């Protein structure tokens, strides 16, 4: 029962990070920290072996490198990079590439939808006054935390942590 509760908490924290990014363009450090630090508790509750646990930690470090590589040229924000690394620990080594692929696909869809909404596609008009200080404002950054969360939700059912329950 503990692993189920921890997975629900993980999903809730990921959703909260995506919502924060969508509304404020900020993913708080404490949220990324809790996501990352909750993994060892979940791994213990799931009965992970030391090698499996180690490969999940390795996935987190690789996720951090990927995040920094995307942050350096300005393609994603710093919070997005930290969130990617924090959730990569939960995805694990075997699910890291599918998670990355799902996140990229979700990011492409997100960018396309935002472009259509920001530039007033005929079928997707937003009432005036609704776009001030939001992700729908022209020139606003892309809240990539939404795409990372979509990648998590898409990939999670195939991960070792999810199959533990």
C-alpha atoms as a PDB file:
ATOM      1  CA  UNK A   1       0.000   0.000   0.000  1.00  0.00           C
ATOM      2  CA  UNK A   2       2.906   2.383   0.672  1.00  0.00           C
ATOM      3  CA  UNK A   3       4.154   2.278  -2.929  1.00  0.00           C
ATOM      4  CA  UNK A   4       0.713   3.171  -4.251  1.00  0.00           C
ATOM      5  CA  UNK A   5       0.540   6.191  -1.966  1.00  0.00           C
ATOM      6  CA  UNK A   6       4.042   7.277  -2.979  1.00  0.00           C
ATOM      7  CA  UNK A   7       3.198   7.004  -6.683  1.00  0.00           C
ATOM      8  CA  UNK A   8       0.058   9.096  -6.162  1.00  0.00           C
ATOM      9  CA  UNK A   9       2.166  11.680  -4.300  1.00  0.00           C
ATOM     10  CA  UNK A  10       4.719  11.636  -7.134  1.00  0.00           C
ATOM     11  CA  UNK A  11       2.015  12.173  -9.757  1.00  0.00           C
ATOM     12  CA  UNK A  12       0.528  14.992  -7.677  1.00  0.00           C
ATOM     13  CA  UNK A  13       3.921  16.704  -7.293  1.00  0.00           C
ATOM     14  CA  UNK A  14       4.587  16.438 -11.031  1.00  0.00           C
ATOM     15  CA  UNK A  15       1.142  17.913 -11.759  1.00  0.00           C
ATOM     16  CA  UNK A  16       1.798  20.724  -9.254  1.00  0.00           C
ATOM     17  CA  UNK A  17       5.123  21.504 -10.938  1.00  0.00           C
ATOM     18  CA  UNK A  18       3.454  21.628 -14.363  1.00  0.00           C
ATOM     19  CA  UNK A  19       0.689  23.872 -13.044  1.00  0.00           C
ATOM     20  CA  UNK A  20       3.203  26.200 -11.395  1.00  0.00           C
ATOM     21  CA  UNK A  21       5.139  26.433 -14.649  1.00  0.00           C
ATOM     22  CA  UNK A  22       1.947  27.096 -16.628  1.00  0.00           C
ATOM     23  CA  UNK A  23       0.762  29.833 -14.292  1.00  0.00           C
ATOM     24  CA  UNK A  24       3.980  31.466 -13.046  1.00  0.00           C
ATOM     25  CA  UNK A  25       6.716  30.162 -15.389  1.00  0.00           C
ATOM     26  CA  UNK A  26       8.501  28.878 -12.278  1.00  0.00           C
ATOM     27  CA  UNK A  27       9.078  25.345 -11.042  1.00  0.00           C
ATOM     28  CA  UNK A  28      10.121  25.768  -7.408  1.00  0.00           C
ATOM     29  CA  UNK A  29      13.381  24.144  -6.340  1.00  0.00           C
ATOM     30  CA  UNK A  30      11.719  22.660  -3.272  1.00  0.00           C
ATOM     31  CA  UNK A  31       9.223  20.838  -5.502  1.00  0.00           C
ATOM     32  CA  UNK A  32      11.990  19.297  -7.622  1.00  0.00           C
ATOM     33  CA  UNK A  33      13.843  18.413  -4.427  1.00  0.00           C
ATOM     34  CA  UNK A  34      10.851  16.617  -2.917  1.00  0.00           C
ATOM     35  CA  UNK A  35      10.270  14.713  -6.169  1.00  0.00           C
ATOM     36  CA  UNK A  36      13.894  13.537  -6.245  1.00  0.00           C
ATOM     37  CA  UNK A  37      14.174  12.804  -2.520  1.00  0.00           C
ATOM     38  CA  UNK A  38      10.934  10.818  -2.442  1.00  0.00           C
ATOM     39  CA  UNK A  39      12.344   8.286  -4.891  1.00  0.00           C
ATOM     40  CA  UNK A  40      14.597   6.387  -2.441  1.00  0.00           C
ATOM     41  CA  UNK A  41      11.616   5.930  -0.115  1.00  0.00           C
ATOM     42  CA  UNK A  42       9.523   4.623  -3.028  1.00  0.00           C
ATOM     43  CA  UNK A  43      12.347   2.355  -4.217  1.00  0.00           C
ATOM     44  CA  UNK A  44      12.635   0.866  -0.731  1.00  0.00           C
ATOM     45  CA  UNK A  45       8.851   0.399  -0.548  1.00  0.00           C
ATOM     46  CA  UNK A  46       8.928  -1.264  -3.985  1.00  0.00           C
ATOM     47  CA  UNK A  47      11.674  -3.655  -2.897  1.00  0.00           C
ATOM     48  CA  UNK A  48      14.243  -2.490  -5.460  1.00  0.00           C
ATOM     49  CA  UNK A  49      17.577  -4.304  -5.512  1.00  0.00           C
ATOM     50  CA  UNK A  50      20.729  -2.228  -5.117  1.00  0.00           C
ATOM     51  CA  UNK A  51      21.658  -2.553  -8.816  1.00  0.00           C
ATOM     52  CA  UNK A  52      18.180  -1.453  -9.932  1.00  0.00           C
ATOM     53  CA  UNK A  53      18.289   1.446  -7.470  1.00  0.00           C
ATOM     54  CA  UNK A  54      21.719   2.407  -8.827  1.00  0.00           C
ATOM     55  CA  UNK A  55      20.485   2.428 -12.414  1.00  0.00           C
ATOM     56  CA  UNK A  56      17.636   4.745 -11.399  1.00  0.00           C
ATOM     57  CA  UNK A  57      20.137   7.118  -9.772  1.00  0.00           C
ATOM     58  CA  UNK A  58      22.268   6.921 -12.928  1.00  0.00           C
ATOM     59  CA  UNK A  59      19.188   7.837 -14.972  1.00  0.00           C
ATOM     60  CA  UNK A  60      18.734  10.882 -12.748  1.00  0.00           C
ATOM     61  CA  UNK A  61      22.323  12.008 -13.360  1.00  0.00           C
ATOM     62  CA  UNK A  62      21.926  11.499 -17.098  1.00  0.00           C
ATOM     63  CA  UNK A  63      18.639  13.423 -16.904  1.00  0.00           C
ATOM     64  CA  UNK A  64      20.526  16.252 -15.203  1.00  0.00           C
ATOM     65  CA  UNK A  65      23.124  16.280 -17.992  1.00  0.00           C
ATOM     66  CA  UNK A  66      20.373  16.308 -20.623  1.00  0.00           C
ATOM     67  CA  UNK A  67      18.600  19.101 -18.764  1.00  0.00           C
ATOM     68  CA  UNK A  68      21.768  21.191 -18.519  1.00  0.00           C
ATOM     69  CA  UNK A  69      22.517  20.572 -22.206  1.00  0.00           C
ATOM     70  CA  UNK A  70      19.060  21.915 -23.104  1.00  0.00           C
ATOM     71  CA  UNK A  71      19.288  24.788 -20.619  1.00  0.00           C
ATOM     72  CA  UNK A  72      22.710  26.050 -21.763  1.00  0.00           C
ATOM     73  CA  UNK A  73      21.513  27.306 -25.179  1.00  0.00           C
ATOM     74  CA  UNK A  74      18.262  28.569 -23.642  1.00  0.00           C
ATOM     75  CA  UNK A  75      15.963  25.905 -25.075  1.00  0.00           C
ATOM     76  CA  UNK A  76      14.428  25.189 -21.662  1.00  0.00           C
ATOM     77  CA  UNK A  77      14.486  26.969 -18.326  1.00  0.00           C
ATOM     78  CA  UNK A  78      16.501  26.022 -15.267  1.00  0.00           C
ATOM     79  CA  UNK A  79      13.444  24.737 -13.430  1.00  0.00           C
ATOM     80  CA  UNK A  80      12.580  22.546 -16.398  1.00  0.00           C
ATOM     81  CA  UNK A  81      16.105  21.074 -16.364  1.00  0.00           C
ATOM     82  CA  UNK A  82      15.885  20.320 -12.640  1.00  0.00           C
ATOM     83  CA  UNK A  83      12.398  18.861 -13.000  1.00  0.00           C
ATOM     84  CA  UNK A  84      13.553  16.631 -15.859  1.00  0.00           C
ATOM     85  CA  UNK A  85      16.380  15.273 -13.707  1.00  0.00           C
ATOM     86  CA  UNK A  86      14.144  14.772 -10.665  1.00  0.00           C
ATOM     87  CA  UNK A  87      11.584  12.749 -12.593  1.00  0.00           C
ATOM     88  CA  UNK A  88      14.257  10.860 -14.574  1.00  0.00           C
ATOM     89  CA  UNK A  89      15.208   9.176 -11.289  1.00  0.00           C
ATOM     90  CA  UNK A  90      11.668   7.803 -11.075  1.00  0.00           C
ATOM     91  CA  UNK A  91      11.664   6.691 -14.731  1.00  0.00           C
ATOM     92  CA  UNK A  92      14.856   4.655 -14.430  1.00  0.00           C
ATOM     93  CA  UNK A  93      17.485   3.638 -16.930  1.00  0.00           C
ATOM     94  CA  UNK A  94      15.283   1.404 -19.087  1.00  0.00           C
ATOM     95  CA  UNK A  95      12.510   3.994 -19.361  1.00  0.00           C
ATOM     96  CA  UNK A  96      14.709   7.083 -19.744  1.00  0.00           C
ATOM     97  CA  UNK A  97      14.769   7.102 -23.559  1.00  0.00           C
ATOM     98  CA  UNK A  98      10.997   6.534 -23.904  1.00  0.00           C
ATOM     99  CA  UNK A  99      10.455   9.273 -21.305  1.00  0.00           C
ATOM    100  CA  UNK A 100      12.699  11.645 -23.254  1.00  0.00           C
ATOM    101  CA  UNK A 101      10.921  10.781 -26.508  1.00  0.00           C
ATOM    102  CA  UNK A 102       7.454  11.214 -24.963  1.00  0.00           C
ATOM    103  CA  UNK A 103       8.498  14.540 -23.440  1.00  0.00           C
ATOM    104  CA  UNK A 104       9.818  15.799 -26.792  1.00  0.00           C
ATOM    105  CA  UNK A 105       6.608  14.772 -28.574  1.00  0.00           C
ATOM    106  CA  UNK A 106       4.475  16.408 -25.864  1.00  0.00           C
ATOM    107  CA  UNK A 107       6.683  19.507 -26.072  1.00  0.00           C
ATOM    108  CA  UNK A 108       6.160  19.722 -29.824  1.00  0.00           C
ATOM    109  CA  UNK A 109       2.390  19.480 -29.396  1.00  0.00           C
ATOM    110  CA  UNK A 110       2.541  22.087 -26.607  1.00  0.00           C
ATOM    111  CA  UNK A 111       4.516  24.516 -28.763  1.00  0.00           C
ATOM    112  CA  UNK A 112       2.147  24.004 -31.701  1.00  0.00           C
ATOM    113  CA  UNK A 113      -0.937  24.614 -29.535  1.00  0.00           C
ATOM    114  CA  UNK A 114       0.631  27.699 -27.939  1.00  0.00           C
ATOM    115  CA  UNK A 115       1.557  29.105 -31.354  1.00  0.00           C
ATOM    116  CA  UNK A 116      -1.978  28.602 -32.582  1.00  0.00           C
ATOM    117  CA  UNK A 117      -3.469  30.182 -29.473  1.00  0.00           C
ATOM    118  CA  UNK A 118      -0.989  33.071 -29.334  1.00  0.00           C
ATOM    119  CA  UNK A 119      -1.444  34.007 -32.950  1.00  0.00           C
ATOM    120  CA  UNK A 120      -5.197  33.759 -33.028  1.00  0.00           C
ATOM    121  CA  UNK A 121      -5.914  30.691 -35.102  1.00  0.00           C
ATOM    122  CA  UNK A 122      -9.518  31.104 -36.320  1.00  0.00           C
ATOM    123  CA  UNK A 123     -10.853  28.081 -34.436  1.00  0.00           C
ATOM    124  CA  UNK A 124      -8.824  28.808 -31.301  1.00  0.00           C
ATOM    125  CA  UNK A 125      -9.483  32.458 -30.509  1.00  0.00           C
ATOM    126  CA  UNK A 126      -8.976  33.524 -26.909  1.00  0.00           C
ATOM    127  CA  UNK A 127     -11.185  36.352 -25.620  1.00  0.00           C
ATOM    128  CA  UNK A 128      -9.320  39.630 -25.234  1.00  0.00           C
ATOM    129  CA  UNK A 129      -8.086  40.272 -21.718  1.00  0.00           C
ATOM    130  CA  UNK A 130      -7.483  36.570 -21.009  1.00  0.00           C
ATOM    131  CA  UNK A 131      -3.923  36.511 -22.282  1.00  0.00           C
ATOM    132  CA  UNK A 132      -2.237  39.079 -20.055  1.00  0.00           C
ATOM    133  CA  UNK A 133       0.693  37.627 -18.102  1.00  0.00           C
ATOM    134  CA  UNK A 134      -0.028  34.043 -19.159  1.00  0.00           C
ATOM    135  CA  UNK A 135       1.491  31.388 -21.381  1.00  0.00           C
ATOM    136  CA  UNK A 136      -0.937  32.549 -24.079  1.00  0.00           C
ATOM    137  CA  UNK A 137       0.636  36.007 -24.335  1.00  0.00           C
ATOM    138  CA  UNK A 138       2.692  36.559 -27.472  1.00  0.00           C
ATOM    139  CA  UNK A 139       6.386  36.332 -26.648  1.00  0.00           C
ATOM    140  CA  UNK A 140       5.846  34.489 -23.360  1.00  0.00           C
ATOM    141  CA  UNK A 141       8.162  31.555 -22.645  1.00  0.00           C
ATOM    142  CA  UNK A 142       6.964  27.994 -23.188  1.00  0.00           C
ATOM    143  CA  UNK A 143       6.108  26.344 -19.851  1.00  0.00           C
ATOM    144  CA  UNK A 144       7.964  23.137 -20.711  1.00  0.00           C
ATOM    145  CA  UNK A 145       7.100  21.668 -17.312  1.00  0.00           C
ATOM    146  CA  UNK A 146       3.764  20.784 -18.906  1.00  0.00           C
ATOM    147  CA  UNK A 147       5.528  18.668 -21.548  1.00  0.00           C
ATOM    148  CA  UNK A 148       7.717  17.014 -18.909  1.00  0.00           C
ATOM    149  CA  UNK A 149       4.611  16.139 -16.890  1.00  0.00           C
ATOM    150  CA  UNK A 150       2.953  14.727 -20.019  1.00  0.00           C
ATOM    151  CA  UNK A 151       6.072  12.651 -20.642  1.00  0.00           C
ATOM    152  CA  UNK A 152       5.888  11.343 -17.077  1.00  0.00           C
ATOM    153  CA  UNK A 153       2.199  10.423 -17.321  1.00  0.00           C
ATOM    154  CA  UNK A 154       2.764   8.761 -20.694  1.00  0.00           C
ATOM    155  CA  UNK A 155       5.824   6.764 -19.584  1.00  0.00           C
ATOM    156  CA  UNK A 156       5.046   5.961 -15.934  1.00  0.00           C
ATOM    157  CA  UNK A 157       2.909   2.835 -16.533  1.00  0.00           C
ATOM    158  CA  UNK A 158       5.895   1.106 -18.188  1.00  0.00           C
ATOM    159  CA  UNK A 159       8.421   1.872 -15.429  1.00  0.00           C
ATOM    160  CA  UNK A 160       9.756  -0.544 -12.809  1.00  0.00           C
ATOM    161  CA  UNK A 161       8.422   1.613  -9.969  1.00  0.00           C
ATOM    162  CA  UNK A 162       4.897   1.449 -11.379  1.00  0.00           C
ATOM    163  CA  UNK A 163       5.050  -2.292 -11.987  1.00  0.00           C
ATOM    164  CA  UNK A 164       5.979  -2.779  -8.313  1.00  0.00           C
ATOM    165  CA  UNK A 165       2.341  -2.389  -7.385  1.00  0.00           C
END
